Amino acid sequence: MAPRALILTTLIAGLGAGPFPAGETEEAKVLRAAAEVMQRSVEPGSDSIPAEVLAGAACVGVFPASSRAGLAHDDKRRKGALSCRAEDGSMGPPAFFTVTEPRALRRAASDADLVLVIPSREALRPFLEGRFKAGGDKEARTAARAPRGPASVPDAPILSWRHREGDFEEASLESSVIEPDAEANRRFYGKPASPREILIERSVPVPPSS
């Protein structure tokens, strides 16, 4: 299997290829759309996320456009999910989050999927501690200039891309607010579950396929 295809298979195992609760819930729609976005990243001719960045990522998150996920349009927030890598390299179960972007970004990118690459457990910490505001343009420009080799990935900031029609462009998260979607996590896992319990401790059983 080609390296990029192997990376994709690993990522989809965490984002969208696992079992779903009965019925097409909002959470199932988000995960299926997230898997579709990652699939598009390896299609021939796509301007995709560098394979070495994905290979070195501690976690990957996808916030699909509402039109792709088949969700009711929300003018303020978009829903998505993160999956993190275990020591054996496998991707773990998804934790659901929302991102609220500044109005200008929402208008310009409402039809685009948002992909986050979190390079280290240290960079993941804000996601585990609750609501936080992402960095600005300076951080995004630093990420864009950072070397793409695996050795450079752990020290990089959170990286982000927007996806349209198979093309992935580096994007800014300036002033975007990211927070756990407690209700989505409760519905998916059948009980309250924090991002730490899902992503780090893996102490919450994934619901069985029906």
C-alpha atoms as a PDB file:
ATOM      1  CA  MET A   1       0.000   0.000   0.000  1.00  0.00           C
ATOM      2  CA  ALA A   2       1.332   3.466  -0.917  1.00  0.00           C
ATOM      3  CA  PRO A   3       2.442   5.613   2.061  1.00  0.00           C
ATOM      4  CA  ARG A   4      -0.287   8.231   1.583  1.00  0.00           C
ATOM      5  CA  ALA A   5      -2.979   5.561   1.231  1.00  0.00           C
ATOM      6  CA  LEU A   6      -1.715   3.909   4.416  1.00  0.00           C
ATOM      7  CA  ILE A   7      -1.880   7.240   6.255  1.00  0.00           C
ATOM      8  CA  LEU A   8      -5.413   7.793   4.999  1.00  0.00           C
ATOM      9  CA  THR A   9      -6.533   4.334   6.120  1.00  0.00           C
ATOM     10  CA  THR A  10      -5.183   5.036   9.606  1.00  0.00           C
ATOM     11  CA  LEU A  11      -6.879   8.426   9.830  1.00  0.00           C
ATOM     12  CA  ILE A  12     -10.251   7.204   8.618  1.00  0.00           C
ATOM     13  CA  ALA A  13     -10.138   4.466  11.243  1.00  0.00           C
ATOM     14  CA  GLY A  14     -10.523   7.275  13.785  1.00  0.00           C
ATOM     15  CA  LEU A  15     -12.643   9.690  11.763  1.00  0.00           C
ATOM     16  CA  GLY A  16     -15.609   8.007  10.205  1.00  0.00           C
ATOM     17  CA  ALA A  17     -14.899   4.342   9.558  1.00  0.00           C
ATOM     18  CA  GLY A  18     -15.981   3.044  12.937  1.00  0.00           C
ATOM     19  CA  PRO A  19     -19.419   1.831  14.051  1.00  0.00           C
ATOM     20  CA  PHE A  20     -22.284   4.308  14.352  1.00  0.00           C
ATOM     21  CA  PRO A  21     -25.335   4.435  16.582  1.00  0.00           C
ATOM     22  CA  ALA A  22     -28.683   3.474  15.098  1.00  0.00           C
ATOM     23  CA  GLY A  23     -29.999   5.893  12.516  1.00  0.00           C
ATOM     24  CA  GLU A  24     -28.328   8.739  10.679  1.00  0.00           C
ATOM     25  CA  THR A  25     -27.644  11.000  13.663  1.00  0.00           C
ATOM     26  CA  GLU A  26     -25.922  14.372  13.401  1.00  0.00           C
ATOM     27  CA  GLU A  27     -22.786  12.771  14.790  1.00  0.00           C
ATOM     28  CA  ALA A  28     -22.830  10.015  12.171  1.00  0.00           C
ATOM     29  CA  LYS A  29     -23.258  12.626   9.434  1.00  0.00           C
ATOM     30  CA  VAL A  30     -20.273  14.596  10.731  1.00  0.00           C
ATOM     31  CA  LEU A  31     -18.056  11.493  10.845  1.00  0.00           C
ATOM     32  CA  ARG A  32     -19.060  10.301   7.397  1.00  0.00           C
ATOM     33  CA  ALA A  33     -18.383  13.755   5.954  1.00  0.00           C
ATOM     34  CA  ALA A  34     -15.023  13.912   7.764  1.00  0.00           C
ATOM     35  CA  ALA A  35     -13.996  10.596   6.238  1.00  0.00           C
ATOM     36  CA  GLU A  36     -15.025  11.891   2.803  1.00  0.00           C
ATOM     37  CA  VAL A  37     -12.846  14.989   3.237  1.00  0.00           C
ATOM     38  CA  MET A  38      -9.807  12.881   4.116  1.00  0.00           C
ATOM     39  CA  GLN A  39     -10.545  10.613   1.150  1.00  0.00           C
ATOM     40  CA  ARG A  40     -10.518  13.634  -1.149  1.00  0.00           C
ATOM     41  CA  SER A  41      -7.008  14.472   0.061  1.00  0.00           C
ATOM     42  CA  VAL A  42      -5.546  11.489  -1.813  1.00  0.00           C
ATOM     43  CA  GLU A  43      -7.474  11.747  -5.061  1.00  0.00           C
ATOM     44  CA  PRO A  44      -5.283  12.158  -8.172  1.00  0.00           C
ATOM     45  CA  GLY A  45      -4.623  15.801  -8.981  1.00  0.00           C
ATOM     46  CA  SER A  46      -5.705  17.095  -5.586  1.00  0.00           C
ATOM     47  CA  ASP A  47      -3.734  19.896  -3.958  1.00  0.00           C
ATOM     48  CA  SER A  48      -3.533  18.056  -0.671  1.00  0.00           C
ATOM     49  CA  ILE A  49      -2.070  18.251   2.808  1.00  0.00           C
ATOM     50  CA  PRO A  50       1.575  17.065   2.788  1.00  0.00           C
ATOM     51  CA  ALA A  51       1.761  13.366   3.653  1.00  0.00           C
ATOM     52  CA  GLU A  52       4.623  13.903   6.120  1.00  0.00           C
ATOM     53  CA  VAL A  53       2.514  16.402   8.073  1.00  0.00           C
ATOM     54  CA  LEU A  54      -0.312  13.879   8.422  1.00  0.00           C
ATOM     55  CA  ALA A  55       2.142  11.101   9.278  1.00  0.00           C
ATOM     56  CA  GLY A  56       3.627  13.155  12.111  1.00  0.00           C
ATOM     57  CA  ALA A  57       0.347  14.458  13.512  1.00  0.00           C
ATOM     58  CA  ALA A  58      -0.704  13.680  17.061  1.00  0.00           C
ATOM     59  CA  CYS A  59      -4.336  14.431  16.204  1.00  0.00           C
ATOM     60  CA  VAL A  60      -6.408  15.358  13.183  1.00  0.00           C
ATOM     61  CA  GLY A  61      -9.711  17.210  13.192  1.00  0.00           C
ATOM     62  CA  VAL A  62     -12.255  17.780  10.440  1.00  0.00           C
ATOM     63  CA  PHE A  63     -15.078  20.324  10.538  1.00  0.00           C
ATOM     64  CA  PRO A  64     -17.094  19.626   7.366  1.00  0.00           C
ATOM     65  CA  ALA A  65     -19.117  22.260   5.571  1.00  0.00           C
ATOM     66  CA  SER A  66     -22.746  21.848   6.623  1.00  0.00           C
ATOM     67  CA  SER A  67     -23.707  21.220   2.990  1.00  0.00           C
ATOM     68  CA  ARG A  68     -21.342  18.221   2.816  1.00  0.00           C
ATOM     69  CA  ALA A  69     -22.426  16.775   6.134  1.00  0.00           C
ATOM     70  CA  GLY A  70     -26.119  17.189   5.355  1.00  0.00           C
ATOM     71  CA  LEU A  71     -26.631  19.257   8.495  1.00  0.00           C
ATOM     72  CA  ALA A  72     -28.895  22.246   8.925  1.00  0.00           C
ATOM     73  CA  HIS A  73     -26.870  25.378   8.179  1.00  0.00           C
ATOM     74  CA  ASP A  74     -25.676  27.150  11.325  1.00  0.00           C
ATOM     75  CA  ASP A  75     -24.646  30.722  10.634  1.00  0.00           C
ATOM     76  CA  LYS A  76     -22.412  30.829  13.709  1.00  0.00           C
ATOM     77  CA  ARG A  77     -20.875  27.442  14.438  1.00  0.00           C
ATOM     78  CA  ARG A  78     -19.687  24.417  12.525  1.00  0.00           C
ATOM     79  CA  LYS A  79     -19.553  20.913  13.950  1.00  0.00           C
ATOM     80  CA  GLY A  80     -16.599  18.569  13.673  1.00  0.00           C
ATOM     81  CA  ALA A  81     -14.564  15.842  15.336  1.00  0.00           C
ATOM     82  CA  LEU A  82     -10.991  15.143  16.399  1.00  0.00           C
ATOM     83  CA  SER A  83      -9.166  11.821  16.556  1.00  0.00           C
ATOM     84  CA  CYS A  84      -5.765  11.293  18.201  1.00  0.00           C
ATOM     85  CA  ARG A  85      -2.986   8.819  17.598  1.00  0.00           C
ATOM     86  CA  ALA A  86      -2.065   6.138  20.141  1.00  0.00           C
ATOM     87  CA  GLU A  87       1.485   4.955  20.840  1.00  0.00           C
ATOM     88  CA  ASP A  88       1.004   2.094  18.386  1.00  0.00           C
ATOM     89  CA  GLY A  89       0.135   4.575  15.627  1.00  0.00           C
ATOM     90  CA  SER A  90      -3.576   3.769  15.456  1.00  0.00           C
ATOM     91  CA  MET A  91      -6.153   6.561  15.508  1.00  0.00           C
ATOM     92  CA  GLY A  92      -8.549   6.552  18.410  1.00  0.00           C
ATOM     93  CA  PRO A  93     -12.273   7.277  18.768  1.00  0.00           C
ATOM     94  CA  PRO A  94     -13.650  10.705  17.843  1.00  0.00           C
ATOM     95  CA  ALA A  95     -14.412  13.567  20.198  1.00  0.00           C
ATOM     96  CA  PHE A  96     -16.857  16.159  18.915  1.00  0.00           C
ATOM     97  CA  PHE A  97     -16.135  19.885  18.920  1.00  0.00           C
ATOM     98  CA  THR A  98     -17.555  23.065  17.460  1.00  0.00           C
ATOM     99  CA  VAL A  99     -15.693  25.998  15.945  1.00  0.00           C
ATOM    100  CA  THR A 100     -17.063  29.536  15.844  1.00  0.00           C
ATOM    101  CA  GLU A 101     -15.286  31.669  13.268  1.00  0.00           C
ATOM    102  CA  PRO A 102     -15.237  35.464  12.885  1.00  0.00           C
ATOM    103  CA  ARG A 103     -18.007  36.773  10.648  1.00  0.00           C
ATOM    104  CA  ALA A 104     -15.649  37.599   7.768  1.00  0.00           C
ATOM    105  CA  LEU A 105     -14.279  34.039   7.749  1.00  0.00           C
ATOM    106  CA  ARG A 106     -17.767  32.546   7.935  1.00  0.00           C
ATOM    107  CA  ARG A 107     -18.878  34.507   4.873  1.00  0.00           C
ATOM    108  CA  ALA A 108     -15.774  33.634   2.861  1.00  0.00           C
ATOM    109  CA  ALA A 109     -15.539  29.950   3.778  1.00  0.00           C
ATOM    110  CA  SER A 110     -19.026  28.684   4.558  1.00  0.00           C
ATOM    111  CA  ASP A 111     -18.787  26.208   1.673  1.00  0.00           C
ATOM    112  CA  ALA A 112     -15.326  24.922   2.640  1.00  0.00           C
ATOM    113  CA  ASP A 113     -14.353  22.093   4.961  1.00  0.00           C
ATOM    114  CA  LEU A 114     -11.888  22.917   7.732  1.00  0.00           C
ATOM    115  CA  VAL A 115      -9.081  20.463   8.566  1.00  0.00           C
ATOM    116  CA  LEU A 116      -6.868  20.829  11.635  1.00  0.00           C
ATOM    117  CA  VAL A 117      -3.571  19.025  12.159  1.00  0.00           C
ATOM    118  CA  ILE A 118      -2.420  19.038  15.778  1.00  0.00           C
ATOM    119  CA  PRO A 119       1.288  18.169  15.796  1.00  0.00           C
ATOM    120  CA  SER A 120       1.802  17.200  19.440  1.00  0.00           C
ATOM    121  CA  ARG A 121       0.071  16.349  22.702  1.00  0.00           C
ATOM    122  CA  GLU A 122       1.241  19.723  24.027  1.00  0.00           C
ATOM    123  CA  ALA A 123      -0.595  21.483  21.182  1.00  0.00           C
ATOM    124  CA  LEU A 124      -3.684  19.403  22.027  1.00  0.00           C
ATOM    125  CA  ARG A 125      -3.850  20.728  25.602  1.00  0.00           C
ATOM    126  CA  PRO A 126      -6.198  23.691  24.900  1.00  0.00           C
ATOM    127  CA  PHE A 127      -8.720  21.288  23.341  1.00  0.00           C
ATOM    128  CA  LEU A 128      -8.809  19.320  26.602  1.00  0.00           C
ATOM    129  CA  GLU A 129      -9.259  22.325  28.853  1.00  0.00           C
ATOM    130  CA  GLY A 130     -12.470  23.703  27.393  1.00  0.00           C
ATOM    131  CA  ARG A 131     -13.330  26.723  25.291  1.00  0.00           C
ATOM    132  CA  PHE A 132     -10.357  28.543  23.771  1.00  0.00           C
ATOM    133  CA  LYS A 133      -9.548  31.086  21.081  1.00  0.00           C
ATOM    134  CA  ALA A 134      -7.111  29.992  18.394  1.00  0.00           C
ATOM    135  CA  GLY A 135      -4.069  32.016  17.340  1.00  0.00           C
ATOM    136  CA  GLY A 136      -3.991  34.696  14.670  1.00  0.00           C
ATOM    137  CA  ASP A 137      -2.405  35.403  11.324  1.00  0.00           C
ATOM    138  CA  LYS A 138       1.140  35.535  12.696  1.00  0.00           C
ATOM    139  CA  GLU A 139       0.852  31.943  13.880  1.00  0.00           C
ATOM    140  CA  ALA A 140      -0.685  30.863  10.573  1.00  0.00           C
ATOM    141  CA  ARG A 141       2.117  32.468   8.566  1.00  0.00           C
ATOM    142  CA  THR A 142       4.702  30.776  10.787  1.00  0.00           C
ATOM    143  CA  ALA A 143       3.012  27.442  10.139  1.00  0.00           C
ATOM    144  CA  ALA A 144       2.975  28.068   6.405  1.00  0.00           C
ATOM    145  CA  ARG A 145       6.722  28.750   6.380  1.00  0.00           C
ATOM    146  CA  ALA A 146       7.633  25.853   8.679  1.00  0.00           C
ATOM    147  CA  PRO A 147       9.667  22.993   7.139  1.00  0.00           C
ATOM    148  CA  ARG A 148       7.495  20.033   6.221  1.00  0.00           C
ATOM    149  CA  GLY A 149       9.792  17.227   7.399  1.00  0.00           C
ATOM    150  CA  PRO A 150       8.525  14.931  10.178  1.00  0.00           C
ATOM    151  CA  ALA A 151      11.182  16.172  12.613  1.00  0.00           C
ATOM    152  CA  SER A 152       9.763  19.698  12.409  1.00  0.00           C
ATOM    153  CA  VAL A 153       6.130  18.765  13.021  1.00  0.00           C
ATOM    154  CA  PRO A 154       6.095  18.325  16.848  1.00  0.00           C
ATOM    155  CA  ASP A 155       7.273  21.905  17.462  1.00  0.00           C
ATOM    156  CA  ALA A 156       4.903  23.535  14.958  1.00  0.00           C
ATOM    157  CA  PRO A 157       1.679  25.341  15.930  1.00  0.00           C
ATOM    158  CA  ILE A 158      -1.733  23.957  15.079  1.00  0.00           C
ATOM    159  CA  LEU A 159      -1.957  23.781  11.287  1.00  0.00           C
ATOM    160  CA  SER A 160      -5.158  24.334   9.360  1.00  0.00           C
ATOM    161  CA  TRP A 161      -6.426  23.905   5.801  1.00  0.00           C
ATOM    162  CA  ARG A 162      -9.656  24.672   3.980  1.00  0.00           C
ATOM    163  CA  HIS A 163     -10.896  22.202   1.401  1.00  0.00           C
ATOM    164  CA  ARG A 164     -12.944  22.886  -1.713  1.00  0.00           C
ATOM    165  CA  GLU A 165     -13.388  20.534  -4.657  1.00  0.00           C
ATOM    166  CA  GLY A 166     -10.272  18.478  -3.910  1.00  0.00           C
ATOM    167  CA  ASP A 167      -7.999  21.471  -3.244  1.00  0.00           C
ATOM    168  CA  PHE A 168      -6.576  22.096   0.215  1.00  0.00           C
ATOM    169  CA  GLU A 169      -5.332  25.614   0.999  1.00  0.00           C
ATOM    170  CA  GLU A 170      -3.552  26.651   4.182  1.00  0.00           C
ATOM    171  CA  ALA A 171      -5.909  28.739   6.297  1.00  0.00           C
ATOM    172  CA  SER A 172      -5.908  31.013   9.291  1.00  0.00           C
ATOM    173  CA  LEU A 173      -7.784  30.268  12.514  1.00  0.00           C
ATOM    174  CA  GLU A 174      -7.514  33.883  13.633  1.00  0.00           C
ATOM    175  CA  SER A 175      -9.929  34.590  16.500  1.00  0.00           C
ATOM    176  CA  SER A 176     -11.815  31.334  15.955  1.00  0.00           C
ATOM    177  CA  VAL A 177     -13.273  29.815  19.125  1.00  0.00           C
ATOM    178  CA  ILE A 178     -13.064  26.035  19.510  1.00  0.00           C
ATOM    179  CA  GLU A 179     -14.886  24.180  22.256  1.00  0.00           C
ATOM    180  CA  PRO A 180     -16.027  20.651  23.093  1.00  0.00           C
ATOM    181  CA  ASP A 181     -19.510  19.719  21.926  1.00  0.00           C
ATOM    182  CA  ALA A 182     -20.640  18.139  25.185  1.00  0.00           C
ATOM    183  CA  GLU A 183     -24.109  17.299  23.913  1.00  0.00           C
ATOM    184  CA  ALA A 184     -22.803  15.588  20.759  1.00  0.00           C
ATOM    185  CA  ASN A 185     -20.327  13.541  22.796  1.00  0.00           C
ATOM    186  CA  ARG A 186     -23.104  12.531  25.208  1.00  0.00           C
ATOM    187  CA  ARG A 187     -25.400  11.457  22.377  1.00  0.00           C
ATOM    188  CA  PHE A 188     -22.703   9.502  20.550  1.00  0.00           C
ATOM    189  CA  TYR A 189     -21.305   7.666  23.591  1.00  0.00           C
ATOM    190  CA  GLY A 190     -24.568   7.373  25.497  1.00  0.00           C
ATOM    191  CA  LYS A 191     -23.238   9.194  28.560  1.00  0.00           C
ATOM    192  CA  PRO A 192     -21.285  12.350  29.427  1.00  0.00           C
ATOM    193  CA  ALA A 193     -17.716  12.079  28.143  1.00  0.00           C
ATOM    194  CA  SER A 194     -14.950  14.668  28.206  1.00  0.00           C
ATOM    195  CA  PRO A 195     -12.377  15.134  25.415  1.00  0.00           C
ATOM    196  CA  ARG A 196      -9.658  13.898  27.785  1.00  0.00           C
ATOM    197  CA  GLU A 197     -11.562  10.690  28.506  1.00  0.00           C
ATOM    198  CA  ILE A 198     -12.161  10.099  24.795  1.00  0.00           C
ATOM    199  CA  LEU A 199      -8.900  11.239  23.176  1.00  0.00           C
ATOM    200  CA  ILE A 200      -6.243  10.592  25.820  1.00  0.00           C
ATOM    201  CA  GLU A 201      -7.530   8.057  28.317  1.00  0.00           C
ATOM    202  CA  ARG A 202      -9.716   6.168  25.819  1.00  0.00           C
ATOM    203  CA  SER A 203     -11.857   5.161  28.743  1.00  0.00           C
ATOM    204  CA  VAL A 204     -15.226   5.590  27.001  1.00  0.00           C
ATOM    205  CA  PRO A 205     -16.433   2.579  24.969  1.00  0.00           C
ATOM    206  CA  VAL A 206     -17.361   3.299  21.364  1.00  0.00           C
ATOM    207  CA  PRO A 207     -21.053   2.512  20.764  1.00  0.00           C
ATOM    208  CA  PRO A 208     -21.598  -0.830  18.991  1.00  0.00           C
ATOM    209  CA  SER A 209     -22.746  -0.957  15.401  1.00  0.00           C
ATOM    210  CA  SER A 210     -26.442  -1.682  15.056  1.00  0.00           C
END
